[in-house]
N, C-alpha and C. Protein backbone atom coordinates (compact mmCIF):
# COMPACT_ATOMS: atom_id res chain seq x y z
N UNK A 1 3.86 29.24 5.92
CA UNK A 1 3.02 28.59 4.87
C UNK A 1 1.85 29.02 5.28
N UNK A 2 0.91 29.15 4.37
CA UNK A 2 -0.63 29.59 4.88
C UNK A 2 -1.33 27.75 4.82
N UNK A 3 -2.73 28.55 5.66
CA UNK A 3 -3.49 27.18 5.66
C UNK A 3 -4.20 26.41 4.66
N UNK A 4 -4.28 27.42 3.38
CA UNK A 4 -4.86 26.28 2.40
C UNK A 4 -4.19 25.96 1.82
N UNK A 5 -2.94 26.34 1.64
CA UNK A 5 -1.71 25.67 0.86
C UNK A 5 -1.10 24.25 1.49
N UNK A 6 -1.36 24.11 3.13
CA UNK A 6 -1.12 22.94 3.58
C UNK A 6 -2.40 22.05 3.29
N UNK A 7 -3.51 22.48 3.37
CA UNK A 7 -4.69 21.33 3.43
C UNK A 7 -4.88 20.87 1.95
N UNK A 8 -4.45 22.02 0.86
CA UNK A 8 -4.80 21.56 -0.59
C UNK A 8 -3.54 20.56 -0.69
N UNK A 9 -2.17 20.57 -0.46
CA UNK A 9 -0.90 19.61 -0.61
C UNK A 9 -1.59 18.20 0.31
N UNK A 10 -2.27 18.40 1.23
CA UNK A 10 -2.51 17.12 1.90
C UNK A 10 -3.54 16.26 1.11
N UNK A 11 -4.74 17.31 0.55
CA UNK A 11 -5.49 16.32 -0.02
C UNK A 11 -4.65 16.06 -1.29
N UNK A 12 -4.01 16.47 -2.31
CA UNK A 12 -3.38 15.84 -3.18
C UNK A 12 -2.39 14.55 -3.00
N UNK A 13 -1.76 14.85 -1.82
CA UNK A 13 -1.13 13.69 -1.24
C UNK A 13 -2.14 12.43 -1.04
N UNK A 14 -3.32 12.75 0.05
CA UNK A 14 -3.90 11.55 -0.09
C UNK A 14 -4.67 11.04 -1.71
N UNK A 15 -4.92 11.99 -2.37
CA UNK A 15 -5.38 11.24 -3.83
C UNK A 15 -4.21 10.56 -4.67
N UNK A 16 -3.17 11.05 -4.39
CA UNK A 16 -2.10 10.23 -5.34
C UNK A 16 -1.66 8.79 -4.15
N UNK A 17 -1.99 8.92 -2.85
CA UNK A 17 -1.74 7.77 -2.03
C UNK A 17 -2.85 6.71 -2.77
N UNK A 18 -4.27 7.06 -2.66
CA UNK A 18 -5.37 6.26 -3.00
C UNK A 18 -5.00 5.91 -4.91
N UNK A 19 -4.36 6.69 -5.52
CA UNK A 19 -4.10 6.40 -7.17
C UNK A 19 -3.34 5.60 -7.15
N UNK A 20 -2.07 5.27 -6.38
CA UNK A 20 -0.73 4.20 -6.47
C UNK A 20 -1.30 3.16 -5.75
N UNK A 21 -2.26 3.13 -4.98
CA UNK A 21 -2.19 1.95 -4.37
C UNK A 21 -3.27 1.06 -5.16
N UNK A 22 -4.09 1.70 -5.71
CA UNK A 22 -5.06 1.48 -6.30
C UNK A 22 -4.38 0.39 -8.01
N UNK A 23 -3.33 1.12 -8.34
CA UNK A 23 -2.81 0.96 -9.53
C UNK A 23 -1.86 -0.58 -9.34
N UNK A 24 -1.25 -0.39 -8.09
CA UNK A 24 -0.31 -1.58 -7.34
C UNK A 24 -1.12 -2.84 -7.16
N UNK A 25 -2.50 -2.38 -6.36
CA UNK A 25 -3.02 -3.32 -5.96
C UNK A 25 -3.93 -4.34 -7.55
N UNK A 26 -3.87 -3.61 -8.64
CA UNK A 26 -4.47 -4.23 -9.63
C UNK A 26 -3.67 -4.52 -10.68
N UNK A 27 -2.33 -4.17 -10.60
CA UNK A 27 -1.02 -4.41 -11.23
C UNK A 27 -0.61 -6.22 -11.09
N UNK A 28 0.34 -6.22 -12.08
CA UNK A 28 0.75 -7.62 -12.22
C UNK A 28 2.49 -7.79 -12.03
N UNK A 29 2.79 -6.68 -11.38
CA UNK A 29 4.44 -6.34 -11.35
C UNK A 29 4.92 -6.14 -9.83
N UNK A 30 4.43 -6.92 -9.18
CA UNK A 30 4.62 -7.39 -7.60
C UNK A 30 6.29 -8.00 -7.71
N UNK A 31 6.12 -9.17 -8.34
CA UNK A 31 7.41 -10.30 -7.88
C UNK A 31 8.04 -10.55 -9.18
N UNK A 32 9.07 -10.31 -10.15
CA UNK A 32 9.62 -10.89 -10.92
C UNK A 32 10.32 -12.09 -10.84
N UNK A 33 10.33 -13.10 -11.73
CA UNK A 33 10.98 -13.85 -12.14
C UNK A 33 11.68 -14.39 -13.60
N UNK A 34 12.87 -13.94 -13.61
CA UNK A 34 13.49 -14.26 -14.90
C UNK A 34 14.36 -15.58 -14.80
N UNK A 35 14.24 -15.80 -15.83
CA UNK A 35 15.47 -16.97 -15.84
C UNK A 35 16.53 -17.32 -16.83
N UNK A 36 17.44 -17.24 -16.26
CA UNK A 36 19.01 -17.20 -16.89
C UNK A 36 18.74 -17.74 -18.03
N UNK A 37 18.72 -16.88 -18.90
CA UNK A 37 18.33 -17.35 -20.66
C UNK A 37 19.87 -17.72 -21.08
N UNK A 38 20.87 -17.53 -20.57
CA UNK A 38 22.20 -17.54 -21.11
C UNK A 38 22.39 -19.41 -21.22
N UNK A 39 22.18 -19.95 -20.21
CA UNK A 39 21.99 -21.57 -19.84
C UNK A 39 21.09 -22.25 -20.15
N UNK A 40 19.86 -21.54 -19.26
CA UNK A 40 18.52 -22.09 -20.17
C UNK A 40 17.37 -21.56 -20.54
N UNK A 41 18.32 -21.53 -22.07
CA UNK A 41 17.79 -21.01 -23.00
C UNK A 41 16.28 -21.55 -23.31
N UNK A 42 16.35 -23.15 -22.85
CA UNK A 42 15.04 -23.91 -23.72
C UNK A 42 13.80 -23.33 -22.26
N UNK A 43 14.10 -22.81 -21.27
CA UNK A 43 12.99 -22.75 -20.31
C UNK A 43 12.81 -21.26 -20.41
N UNK A 44 13.05 -20.15 -21.17
CA UNK A 44 13.26 -18.62 -21.70
C UNK A 44 11.79 -18.86 -21.10
N UNK A 45 10.28 -19.51 -21.82
CA UNK A 45 9.22 -19.28 -21.61
C UNK A 45 8.96 -19.36 -20.18
N UNK A 46 9.31 -19.63 -18.99
CA UNK A 46 8.97 -20.01 -17.83
C UNK A 46 9.08 -18.82 -17.13
N UNK A 47 10.09 -17.52 -17.74
CA UNK A 47 10.23 -16.18 -16.98
C UNK A 47 8.47 -16.09 -16.86
N UNK A 48 8.06 -15.49 -15.43
CA UNK A 48 7.28 -15.25 -15.07
C UNK A 48 7.27 -13.36 -14.27
N UNK A 49 5.86 -12.81 -14.20
CA UNK A 49 5.60 -12.02 -13.30
C UNK A 49 4.21 -11.70 -12.30
N UNK A 50 4.20 -12.00 -11.23
CA UNK A 50 3.05 -11.79 -10.24
C UNK A 50 2.49 -10.79 -9.97
N UNK A 51 1.31 -10.68 -9.61
CA UNK A 51 0.62 -9.40 -8.52
C UNK A 51 -0.30 -10.28 -7.74
N UNK A 52 -1.10 -9.30 -7.07
CA UNK A 52 -1.59 -10.13 -5.77
C UNK A 52 -2.56 -11.17 -6.07
N UNK A 53 -3.26 -10.94 -7.55
CA UNK A 53 -3.97 -11.71 -7.60
C UNK A 53 -3.98 -13.01 -9.13
N UNK A 54 -3.04 -12.68 -9.54
CA UNK A 54 -2.78 -14.06 -10.37
C UNK A 54 -1.06 -13.75 -10.90
N UNK A 55 -0.53 -14.72 -11.98
CA UNK A 55 0.70 -14.76 -12.14
C UNK A 55 0.73 -15.23 -13.68
N UNK A 56 1.57 -14.50 -14.50
CA UNK A 56 1.55 -14.50 -15.81
C UNK A 56 2.95 -14.88 -16.01
N UNK A 57 2.72 -16.10 -16.99
CA UNK A 57 3.98 -16.70 -17.11
C UNK A 57 4.46 -16.68 -18.92
N UNK A 58 5.55 -16.59 -19.13
CA UNK A 58 6.13 -17.01 -20.79
C UNK A 58 5.66 -15.69 -21.71
N UNK A 59 6.34 -15.70 -22.83
CA UNK A 59 6.16 -14.61 -23.75
C UNK A 59 4.97 -14.22 -23.92
N UNK A 60 3.77 -15.12 -23.88
CA UNK A 60 2.26 -14.59 -24.20
C UNK A 60 1.61 -14.20 -22.51
N UNK A 61 2.19 -14.54 -21.66
CA UNK A 61 1.78 -13.63 -20.49
C UNK A 61 0.36 -14.65 -20.35
N UNK A 62 0.79 -15.92 -20.45
CA UNK A 62 -0.52 -16.48 -19.75
C UNK A 62 -0.95 -16.63 -18.25
N UNK A 63 -2.05 -16.05 -18.29
CA UNK A 63 -2.44 -16.14 -16.89
C UNK A 63 -3.02 -17.35 -15.88
N UNK A 64 -2.61 -17.17 -14.79
CA UNK A 64 -2.93 -18.11 -13.67
C UNK A 64 -3.44 -17.35 -12.27
N UNK A 65 -4.63 -17.94 -12.15
CA UNK A 65 -5.18 -17.22 -10.88
C UNK A 65 -4.82 -17.70 -9.77
N UNK A 66 -4.29 -17.00 -8.60
CA UNK A 66 -3.34 -17.28 -7.15
C UNK A 66 -4.97 -17.42 -6.22
N UNK A 67 -4.91 -18.88 -5.99
CA UNK A 67 -6.16 -18.84 -4.87
C UNK A 67 -5.32 -19.36 -3.73
N UNK A 68 -6.40 -18.50 -3.01
CA UNK A 68 -5.97 -18.87 -1.25
C UNK A 68 -7.36 -18.99 -0.63
N UNK A 69 -8.12 -18.48 -0.90
CA UNK A 69 -9.42 -18.59 -0.03
C UNK A 69 -10.66 -20.23 -0.01
N UNK A 70 -10.10 -20.53 -1.36
CA UNK A 70 -10.97 -21.81 -1.80
C UNK A 70 -10.01 -22.97 -1.91
N UNK A 71 -9.16 -23.11 -1.45
CA UNK A 71 -8.10 -24.05 -1.56
C UNK A 71 -7.97 -25.26 -0.14
N UNK A 72 -8.39 -26.27 -0.84
CA UNK A 72 -8.34 -27.44 -0.02
C UNK A 72 -6.79 -27.75 0.80
N UNK A 73 -6.83 -27.52 2.28
CA UNK A 73 -5.07 -27.11 2.74
C UNK A 73 -5.17 -28.62 3.64
N UNK A 74 -5.93 -29.92 3.70
CA UNK A 74 -5.90 -30.73 4.21
C UNK A 74 -4.58 -31.25 3.72
N UNK A 75 -4.37 -31.55 2.41
CA UNK A 75 -3.28 -32.44 2.29
C UNK A 75 -1.93 -31.32 2.01
N UNK A 76 -2.04 -30.12 2.70
CA UNK A 76 -0.51 -29.15 2.29
C UNK A 76 0.39 -29.60 3.74
N UNK A 77 1.49 -28.85 3.49
CA UNK A 77 2.16 -29.21 4.72
C UNK A 77 2.35 -27.62 5.58
N UNK A 78 2.68 -27.62 6.60
CA UNK A 78 2.56 -26.68 7.67
C UNK A 78 3.29 -25.36 6.83
N UNK A 79 4.02 -25.23 6.09
CA UNK A 79 4.91 -24.14 5.42
C UNK A 79 3.94 -23.78 4.41
N UNK A 80 3.25 -24.42 3.68
CA UNK A 80 2.18 -24.19 2.64
C UNK A 80 0.83 -23.65 2.93
N UNK A 81 0.72 -24.24 4.36
CA UNK A 81 -0.43 -23.64 4.74
C UNK A 81 -0.39 -22.00 5.41
N UNK A 82 0.70 -22.12 5.83
CA UNK A 82 1.07 -20.72 6.26
C UNK A 82 1.28 -19.74 5.01
N UNK A 83 1.81 -20.17 4.12
CA UNK A 83 1.76 -19.25 2.82
C UNK A 83 0.19 -18.99 2.60
N UNK A 84 -0.36 -19.68 2.34
CA UNK A 84 -1.70 -19.71 1.79
C UNK A 84 -2.33 -18.63 3.06
N UNK A 85 -2.20 -18.57 4.32
CA UNK A 85 -3.16 -17.96 4.97
C UNK A 85 -2.12 -16.35 4.82
N UNK A 86 -0.76 -16.14 4.50
CA UNK A 86 0.08 -15.16 4.76
C UNK A 86 -0.72 -14.49 3.19
N UNK A 87 -1.17 -15.24 2.31
CA UNK A 87 -1.81 -14.39 1.08
C UNK A 87 -3.08 -14.10 1.15
N UNK A 88 -3.91 -14.77 2.32
CA UNK A 88 -5.30 -14.09 2.51
C UNK A 88 -5.13 -12.98 3.36
N UNK A 89 -4.27 -12.93 4.27
CA UNK A 89 -3.92 -11.49 4.95
C UNK A 89 -3.27 -10.84 4.00
N UNK A 90 -2.72 -10.41 2.90
CA UNK A 90 -2.42 -9.73 2.11
C UNK A 90 -3.44 -9.15 0.98
N UNK A 91 -4.27 -10.24 0.72
CA UNK A 91 -5.19 -9.69 -0.15
C UNK A 91 -6.41 -9.12 0.47
N UNK A 92 -6.30 -9.06 2.21
CA UNK A 92 -7.18 -8.34 2.69
C UNK A 92 -7.09 -7.13 3.30
N UNK A 93 -5.86 -7.29 3.58
CA UNK A 93 -5.48 -5.97 4.10
C UNK A 93 -4.98 -4.66 3.02
N UNK A 94 -4.52 -4.93 1.83
CA UNK A 94 -4.48 -3.61 0.95
C UNK A 94 -5.66 -3.07 0.42
N UNK A 95 -6.89 -4.17 0.16
CA UNK A 95 -7.68 -3.56 -0.50
C UNK A 95 -8.46 -2.66 0.83
N UNK A 96 -8.53 -2.97 2.25
CA UNK A 96 -9.03 -2.61 2.96
C UNK A 96 -8.60 -1.23 3.23
N UNK A 97 -7.10 -1.01 3.33
CA UNK A 97 -5.91 0.11 3.18
C UNK A 97 -6.61 1.13 2.50
N UNK A 98 -7.25 0.51 1.16
CA UNK A 98 -7.85 1.33 -0.11
C UNK A 98 -8.99 1.96 0.31
N UNK A 99 -9.90 1.19 0.70
CA UNK A 99 -11.10 1.55 1.29
C UNK A 99 -11.03 2.89 2.50
N UNK A 100 -9.95 2.60 3.32
CA UNK A 100 -9.91 3.77 4.33
C UNK A 100 -9.48 4.56 4.00
N UNK A 101 -8.41 4.98 2.64
CA UNK A 101 -7.94 5.87 2.47
C UNK A 101 -9.24 6.86 1.84
N UNK A 102 -10.24 6.01 1.28
CA UNK A 102 -11.22 7.06 0.60
C UNK A 102 -12.16 7.62 1.54
N UNK A 103 -12.02 7.00 2.87
CA UNK A 103 -13.11 7.34 3.94
C UNK A 103 -12.18 8.77 4.53
N UNK A 104 -10.65 8.49 4.73
CA UNK A 104 -9.99 9.30 5.06
C UNK A 104 -9.83 10.59 4.10
N UNK A 105 -9.94 10.55 2.82
CA UNK A 105 -10.08 11.83 2.34
C UNK A 105 -11.34 12.31 2.34
N UNK A 106 -12.53 11.68 2.66
CA UNK A 106 -14.01 12.37 3.07
C UNK A 106 -14.04 13.35 4.26
N UNK A 107 -13.26 12.76 5.27
CA UNK A 107 -13.40 13.13 6.49
C UNK A 107 -12.23 14.53 6.28
N UNK A 108 -11.18 14.17 5.73
CA UNK A 108 -10.21 15.45 5.87
C UNK A 108 -10.69 16.51 4.73
N UNK A 109 -11.64 16.21 3.94
CA UNK A 109 -12.11 17.49 3.08
C UNK A 109 -12.94 17.95 3.84
N UNK A 110 -13.78 17.45 4.58
CA UNK A 110 -15.04 18.14 5.72
C UNK A 110 -14.40 18.71 6.46
N UNK A 111 -13.24 18.19 7.54
CA UNK A 111 -12.78 19.05 8.38
C UNK A 111 -11.71 20.12 8.10
N UNK A 112 -11.35 19.98 6.71
CA UNK A 112 -10.55 21.15 6.53
C UNK A 112 -11.31 22.64 5.92
N UNK A 113 -12.56 22.18 5.32
CA UNK A 113 -13.47 23.17 4.95
C UNK A 113 -14.24 23.75 6.46
N UNK A 114 -14.26 22.85 7.50
CA UNK A 114 -14.77 23.43 8.63
C UNK A 114 -13.88 24.21 9.47
N UNK A 115 -12.66 24.02 9.23
CA UNK A 115 -11.13 24.64 9.78
C UNK A 115 -11.24 24.23 11.66
N UNK A 116 -11.88 22.82 11.72
CA UNK A 116 -11.76 23.10 13.50
C UNK A 116 -10.46 22.01 13.64
N UNK A 117 -10.06 22.55 14.66
CA UNK A 117 -8.75 21.59 14.86
C UNK A 117 -8.89 20.68 15.33
N UNK A 118 -10.05 20.20 15.96
CA UNK A 118 -10.26 18.46 16.37
C UNK A 118 -10.80 17.98 15.65
N UNK A 119 -11.58 18.07 14.44
CA UNK A 119 -11.80 17.29 13.25
C UNK A 119 -10.67 17.05 12.75
N UNK A 120 -9.54 18.21 12.07
CA UNK A 120 -8.67 18.24 11.49
C UNK A 120 -7.40 17.26 12.40
N UNK A 121 -7.51 16.91 13.49
CA UNK A 121 -6.34 15.67 14.26
C UNK A 121 -7.04 15.14 14.14
N UNK A 122 -8.34 14.64 14.42
CA UNK A 122 -9.00 13.41 13.87
C UNK A 122 -8.66 12.63 12.46
N UNK A 123 -9.11 13.48 11.52
CA UNK A 123 -8.45 12.97 10.35
C UNK A 123 -7.09 12.61 9.90
N UNK A 124 -6.06 13.56 10.67
CA UNK A 124 -4.73 13.42 10.40
C UNK A 124 -4.23 12.06 11.38
N UNK A 125 -4.97 11.77 12.44
CA UNK A 125 -4.94 10.47 13.21
C UNK A 125 -5.41 9.26 12.59
N UNK A 126 -6.48 9.32 11.73
CA UNK A 126 -6.84 8.57 10.93
C UNK A 126 -6.15 8.24 9.68
N UNK A 127 -5.39 9.27 9.56
CA UNK A 127 -4.71 8.68 7.83
C UNK A 127 -3.21 7.81 8.31
N UNK A 128 -3.11 8.58 9.17
CA UNK A 128 -1.75 7.81 10.11
C UNK A 128 -2.02 6.08 10.63
N UNK A 129 -3.29 6.23 10.79
CA UNK A 129 -3.71 4.78 11.31
C UNK A 129 -3.78 3.88 9.87
N UNK A 130 -4.21 4.52 8.87
CA UNK A 130 -4.51 3.66 7.87
C UNK A 130 -3.04 2.99 7.32
N UNK A 131 -2.17 4.15 7.21
CA UNK A 131 -1.05 3.67 6.64
C UNK A 131 -0.36 2.63 7.31
N UNK A 132 -0.94 2.70 8.70
CA UNK A 132 -0.30 0.96 9.32
C UNK A 132 -1.03 -0.20 8.46
N UNK A 133 -2.39 0.16 8.35
CA UNK A 133 -2.64 -0.98 7.35
C UNK A 133 -1.91 -1.62 6.08
N UNK A 134 -1.63 -0.43 5.36
CA UNK A 134 -0.84 -0.71 4.11
C UNK A 134 0.50 -0.84 4.51
N UNK A 135 0.98 -0.39 5.65
CA UNK A 135 2.89 -0.76 6.10
C UNK A 135 3.00 -2.76 6.14
N UNK A 136 1.86 -2.89 7.02
CA UNK A 136 1.41 -4.17 7.32
C UNK A 136 1.29 -5.13 6.27
N UNK A 137 0.62 -4.80 5.04
CA UNK A 137 0.26 -5.56 3.96
C UNK A 137 1.44 -5.96 3.42
N UNK A 138 2.51 -4.38 3.10
CA UNK A 138 3.35 -4.83 2.57
C UNK A 138 4.64 -5.54 3.28
N UNK A 139 4.60 -5.64 4.58
CA UNK A 139 5.58 -6.53 5.49
C UNK A 139 5.41 -8.26 5.19
N UNK A 140 4.21 -8.14 5.15
CA UNK A 140 3.76 -9.31 4.95
C UNK A 140 3.92 -9.95 3.57
N UNK A 141 3.61 -9.27 2.81
CA UNK A 141 4.15 -9.50 1.12
C UNK A 141 5.60 -9.82 1.29
N UNK A 142 6.39 -9.21 1.59
CA UNK A 142 7.53 -9.57 1.78
C UNK A 142 8.09 -10.63 2.23
N UNK A 143 7.51 -10.63 3.28
CA UNK A 143 7.58 -11.57 4.37
C UNK A 143 7.32 -12.96 3.70
N UNK A 144 6.17 -12.85 3.09
CA UNK A 144 5.58 -14.23 2.24
C UNK A 144 6.43 -14.59 0.89
N UNK A 145 7.12 -13.65 0.21
CA UNK A 145 7.93 -14.08 -1.36
C UNK A 145 8.83 -14.60 -0.68
N UNK A 146 9.85 -14.02 0.52
CA UNK A 146 11.00 -14.39 1.28
C UNK A 146 10.50 -16.05 1.61
N UNK A 147 9.70 -16.16 1.97
CA UNK A 147 9.41 -17.77 2.67
C UNK A 147 9.32 -18.74 1.47
N UNK A 148 8.41 -18.20 0.37
CA UNK A 148 8.20 -18.84 -0.74
C UNK A 148 9.44 -19.47 -1.46
N UNK A 149 10.40 -18.00 -1.65
CA UNK A 149 11.84 -18.81 -2.34
C UNK A 149 12.47 -19.24 -1.53
N UNK A 150 12.42 -19.54 -0.19
CA UNK A 150 13.16 -20.65 0.72
C UNK A 150 12.68 -21.92 -0.08
N UNK A 151 11.80 -22.27 -0.50
CA UNK A 151 11.25 -23.71 -0.75
C UNK A 151 11.83 -24.15 -1.55
N UNK A 152 12.08 -23.24 -2.94
CA UNK A 152 12.79 -23.46 -3.96
C UNK A 152 13.87 -24.35 -3.57
N UNK A 153 14.42 -25.34 -4.76
CA UNK A 153 15.55 -25.76 -4.60
C UNK A 153 17.02 -24.75 -5.09
N UNK A 154 18.06 -24.91 -4.20
CA UNK A 154 19.36 -24.35 -4.67
C UNK A 154 19.22 -24.42 -6.21
N UNK A 155 19.34 -25.51 -6.89
CA UNK A 155 19.77 -25.86 -8.12
C UNK A 155 18.78 -24.52 -9.17
N UNK A 156 17.62 -24.39 -8.96
CA UNK A 156 16.51 -23.75 -9.30
C UNK A 156 16.93 -22.06 -9.24
N UNK A 157 17.33 -21.88 -7.92
CA UNK A 157 17.36 -20.43 -7.37
C UNK A 157 18.68 -20.03 -8.18
N UNK A 158 19.71 -20.71 -8.87
CA UNK A 158 20.77 -20.70 -9.17
C UNK A 158 20.70 -20.61 -10.68
N UNK A 159 19.08 -20.70 -11.28
CA UNK A 159 18.84 -20.77 -12.66
C UNK A 159 18.13 -19.59 -12.99
N UNK A 160 17.73 -19.02 -11.58
CA UNK A 160 16.75 -17.97 -12.40
C UNK A 160 17.40 -16.41 -11.39
N UNK A 161 16.74 -15.52 -11.67
CA UNK A 161 16.48 -14.09 -10.80
C UNK A 161 15.53 -13.51 -10.68
N UNK A 162 15.35 -13.38 -9.18
CA UNK A 162 13.77 -12.85 -8.72
C UNK A 162 14.11 -11.21 -8.47
N UNK A 163 13.06 -10.82 -8.39
CA UNK A 163 13.19 -9.25 -7.67
C UNK A 163 11.53 -8.98 -7.59
N UNK A 164 11.80 -7.69 -7.13
CA UNK A 164 10.53 -6.68 -6.89
C UNK A 164 10.26 -6.17 -7.93
N UNK A 165 9.10 -5.87 -8.35
CA UNK A 165 8.49 -5.24 -9.49
C UNK A 165 7.99 -3.44 -9.00
N UNK A 166 7.53 -2.87 -9.92
CA UNK A 166 7.06 -1.46 -9.53
C UNK A 166 5.90 -1.39 -8.93
N UNK A 167 5.12 -2.37 -8.86
CA UNK A 167 3.79 -2.63 -8.33
C UNK A 167 3.97 -2.28 -6.74
N UNK A 168 5.03 -2.98 -6.28
CA UNK A 168 5.76 -2.91 -4.80
C UNK A 168 5.98 -1.51 -4.54
N UNK A 169 6.93 -1.04 -5.73
CA UNK A 169 7.18 0.12 -5.44
C UNK A 169 6.51 1.51 -5.34
N UNK A 170 4.98 1.29 -6.12
CA UNK A 170 3.94 2.09 -5.84
C UNK A 170 3.10 2.09 -4.64
N UNK A 171 3.07 0.52 -4.04
CA UNK A 171 2.54 0.37 -2.75
C UNK A 171 3.11 1.61 -1.91
N UNK A 172 4.53 1.17 -1.50
CA UNK A 172 5.38 1.63 -1.04
C UNK A 172 5.53 3.44 -1.37
N UNK A 173 5.40 4.33 -2.09
CA UNK A 173 5.16 5.16 -2.92
C UNK A 173 3.70 5.67 -1.80
N UNK A 174 2.45 5.14 -2.15
CA UNK A 174 1.42 5.02 -1.63
C UNK A 174 1.37 5.22 -0.14
N UNK A 175 2.08 4.57 0.49
CA UNK A 175 2.36 4.44 2.20
C UNK A 175 3.06 5.80 2.68
N UNK A 176 4.21 6.15 2.11
CA UNK A 176 4.80 7.36 2.18
C UNK A 176 3.67 8.33 2.04
N UNK A 177 2.95 8.70 0.96
CA UNK A 177 1.80 9.53 0.88
C UNK A 177 1.09 9.29 1.42
N UNK A 178 0.39 8.58 2.55
CA UNK A 178 -0.43 8.51 3.54
C UNK A 178 -0.13 9.34 4.78
N UNK A 179 1.06 8.79 4.87
CA UNK A 179 2.11 9.33 6.17
C UNK A 179 1.82 11.09 5.91
N UNK A 180 2.50 11.25 4.79
CA UNK A 180 2.75 12.79 4.71
C UNK A 180 1.37 13.75 4.58
N UNK A 181 0.22 12.70 3.90
CA UNK A 181 -0.79 13.39 4.31
C UNK A 181 -1.35 13.35 5.51
N UNK A 182 -1.20 12.69 6.63
CA UNK A 182 -1.16 12.77 7.86
C UNK A 182 -0.54 13.86 8.56
N UNK A 183 0.72 13.93 8.13
CA UNK A 183 1.38 14.94 8.80
C UNK A 183 0.78 16.33 8.36
N UNK A 184 0.66 16.19 7.41
CA UNK A 184 0.10 17.77 6.75
C UNK A 184 -1.33 18.31 7.62
N UNK A 185 -2.08 16.98 7.50
CA UNK A 185 -3.41 17.59 8.56
C UNK A 185 -3.31 17.55 9.77
N UNK A 186 -1.76 17.29 10.57
CA UNK A 186 -1.79 17.09 11.82
C UNK A 186 -1.08 18.86 12.02
N UNK A 187 -0.68 19.20 11.06
CA UNK A 187 0.44 20.71 10.72
C UNK A 187 -0.73 21.73 10.76
N UNK A 188 -2.23 21.41 9.84
CA UNK A 188 -3.43 22.41 9.40
C UNK A 188 -4.24 22.30 10.69
N UNK A 189 -3.97 21.34 11.76
CA UNK A 189 -5.08 21.29 12.86
C UNK A 189 -4.42 22.31 13.94
N UNK A 190 -2.90 22.23 13.84
CA UNK A 190 -2.03 23.41 14.67
C UNK A 190 -2.22 24.84 14.32
N UNK A 191 -2.55 24.79 12.90
CA UNK A 191 -2.48 26.17 12.23
C UNK A 191 -3.79 26.81 12.44
N UNK A 192 -5.06 26.03 12.45
CA UNK A 192 -6.00 26.35 12.50
C UNK A 192 -6.50 26.23 14.17
N UNK A 193 -5.91 25.87 14.93
CA UNK A 193 -5.94 26.19 16.66
C UNK A 193 -5.32 27.45 16.43
N UNK A 194 -4.05 27.84 16.23
CA UNK A 194 -3.70 29.44 16.41
C UNK A 194 -4.07 30.27 15.70
N UNK A 195 -5.30 30.03 14.45
CA UNK A 195 -5.99 31.40 13.74
C UNK A 195 -6.99 31.05 14.65
N UNK A 196 -7.81 30.00 15.70
CA UNK A 196 -8.62 30.29 16.39
C UNK A 196 -8.34 31.00 17.55
N UNK A 197 -7.47 30.80 18.02
CA UNK A 197 -6.74 31.60 19.17
C UNK A 197 -6.38 33.08 19.15
N UNK A 198 -5.95 33.27 18.03
CA UNK A 198 -5.49 34.74 17.65
C UNK A 198 -7.07 35.72 17.42
N UNK A 199 -7.69 34.76 16.60
CA UNK A 199 -9.26 35.57 16.56
C UNK A 199 -9.69 35.64 18.04
N UNK A 200 -9.59 34.63 18.80
CA UNK A 200 -10.21 35.07 20.06
C UNK A 200 -9.65 36.13 20.62
N UNK A 201 -8.31 36.44 20.60
CA UNK A 201 -7.61 37.46 21.61
C UNK A 201 -8.08 38.84 20.65
N UNK A 202 -8.11 38.61 19.49
CA UNK A 202 -8.64 40.11 18.70
C UNK A 202 -9.65 40.51 19.39
N UNK A 203 -10.81 39.66 19.39
CA UNK A 203 -11.92 39.80 20.13
C UNK A 203 -12.55 40.31 21.18
N UNK A 204 -11.33 39.93 22.17
CA UNK A 204 -11.44 40.16 23.55
C UNK A 204 -10.73 41.35 23.73
N UNK A 205 -9.59 41.85 22.65
CA UNK A 205 -8.93 43.25 22.68
C UNK A 205 -10.17 44.20 22.46
N UNK A 206 -11.10 44.00 21.65
CA UNK A 206 -11.93 44.94 20.91
C UNK A 206 -13.15 45.13 21.59
N UNK A 207 -13.34 43.93 22.70
CA UNK A 207 -14.38 44.38 23.71
C UNK A 207 -13.82 45.28 25.20
């Protein structure tokens, strides 16, 4: 495999990772609640889908913002306070990860053009580090949804179907592509090191 192909593939992986995560953060299909229409047709309009910032409910997709930073928690239970804090962590970690991917892309471009093994290894490590932010955000989100579901009464749970949407899938793909970009840059660093070593051997032989 050639050096150029490796760094180009790493670049596309990083670009797709950014695109997928940006779409996921801005979309409203992280969590979907469908009311059982067979038994509760009168509650059909209560079906909803939600994102990180808002909930859309009913046929008309009425939007309700999800507030967590400016909520008075003095009259909330400990579980509710924990859920609010978890949401704060989610909406900080994932946008931060998006910003870090942009910076990582710049570092990766510079290091790949310079063909410097140390810079490439540093960029690779940076991408892998960024992926931890994305993974942490996804982990907290899944835990957040599970805890919120546990607050519902059993009879309510029996009348609805809950599932994760394509937005979460896009975020998971973004995480995978971040890791892929990091590993490819690590491979490029190794290839650049070997090319530099071979070049040095040729110079010594000619001398």
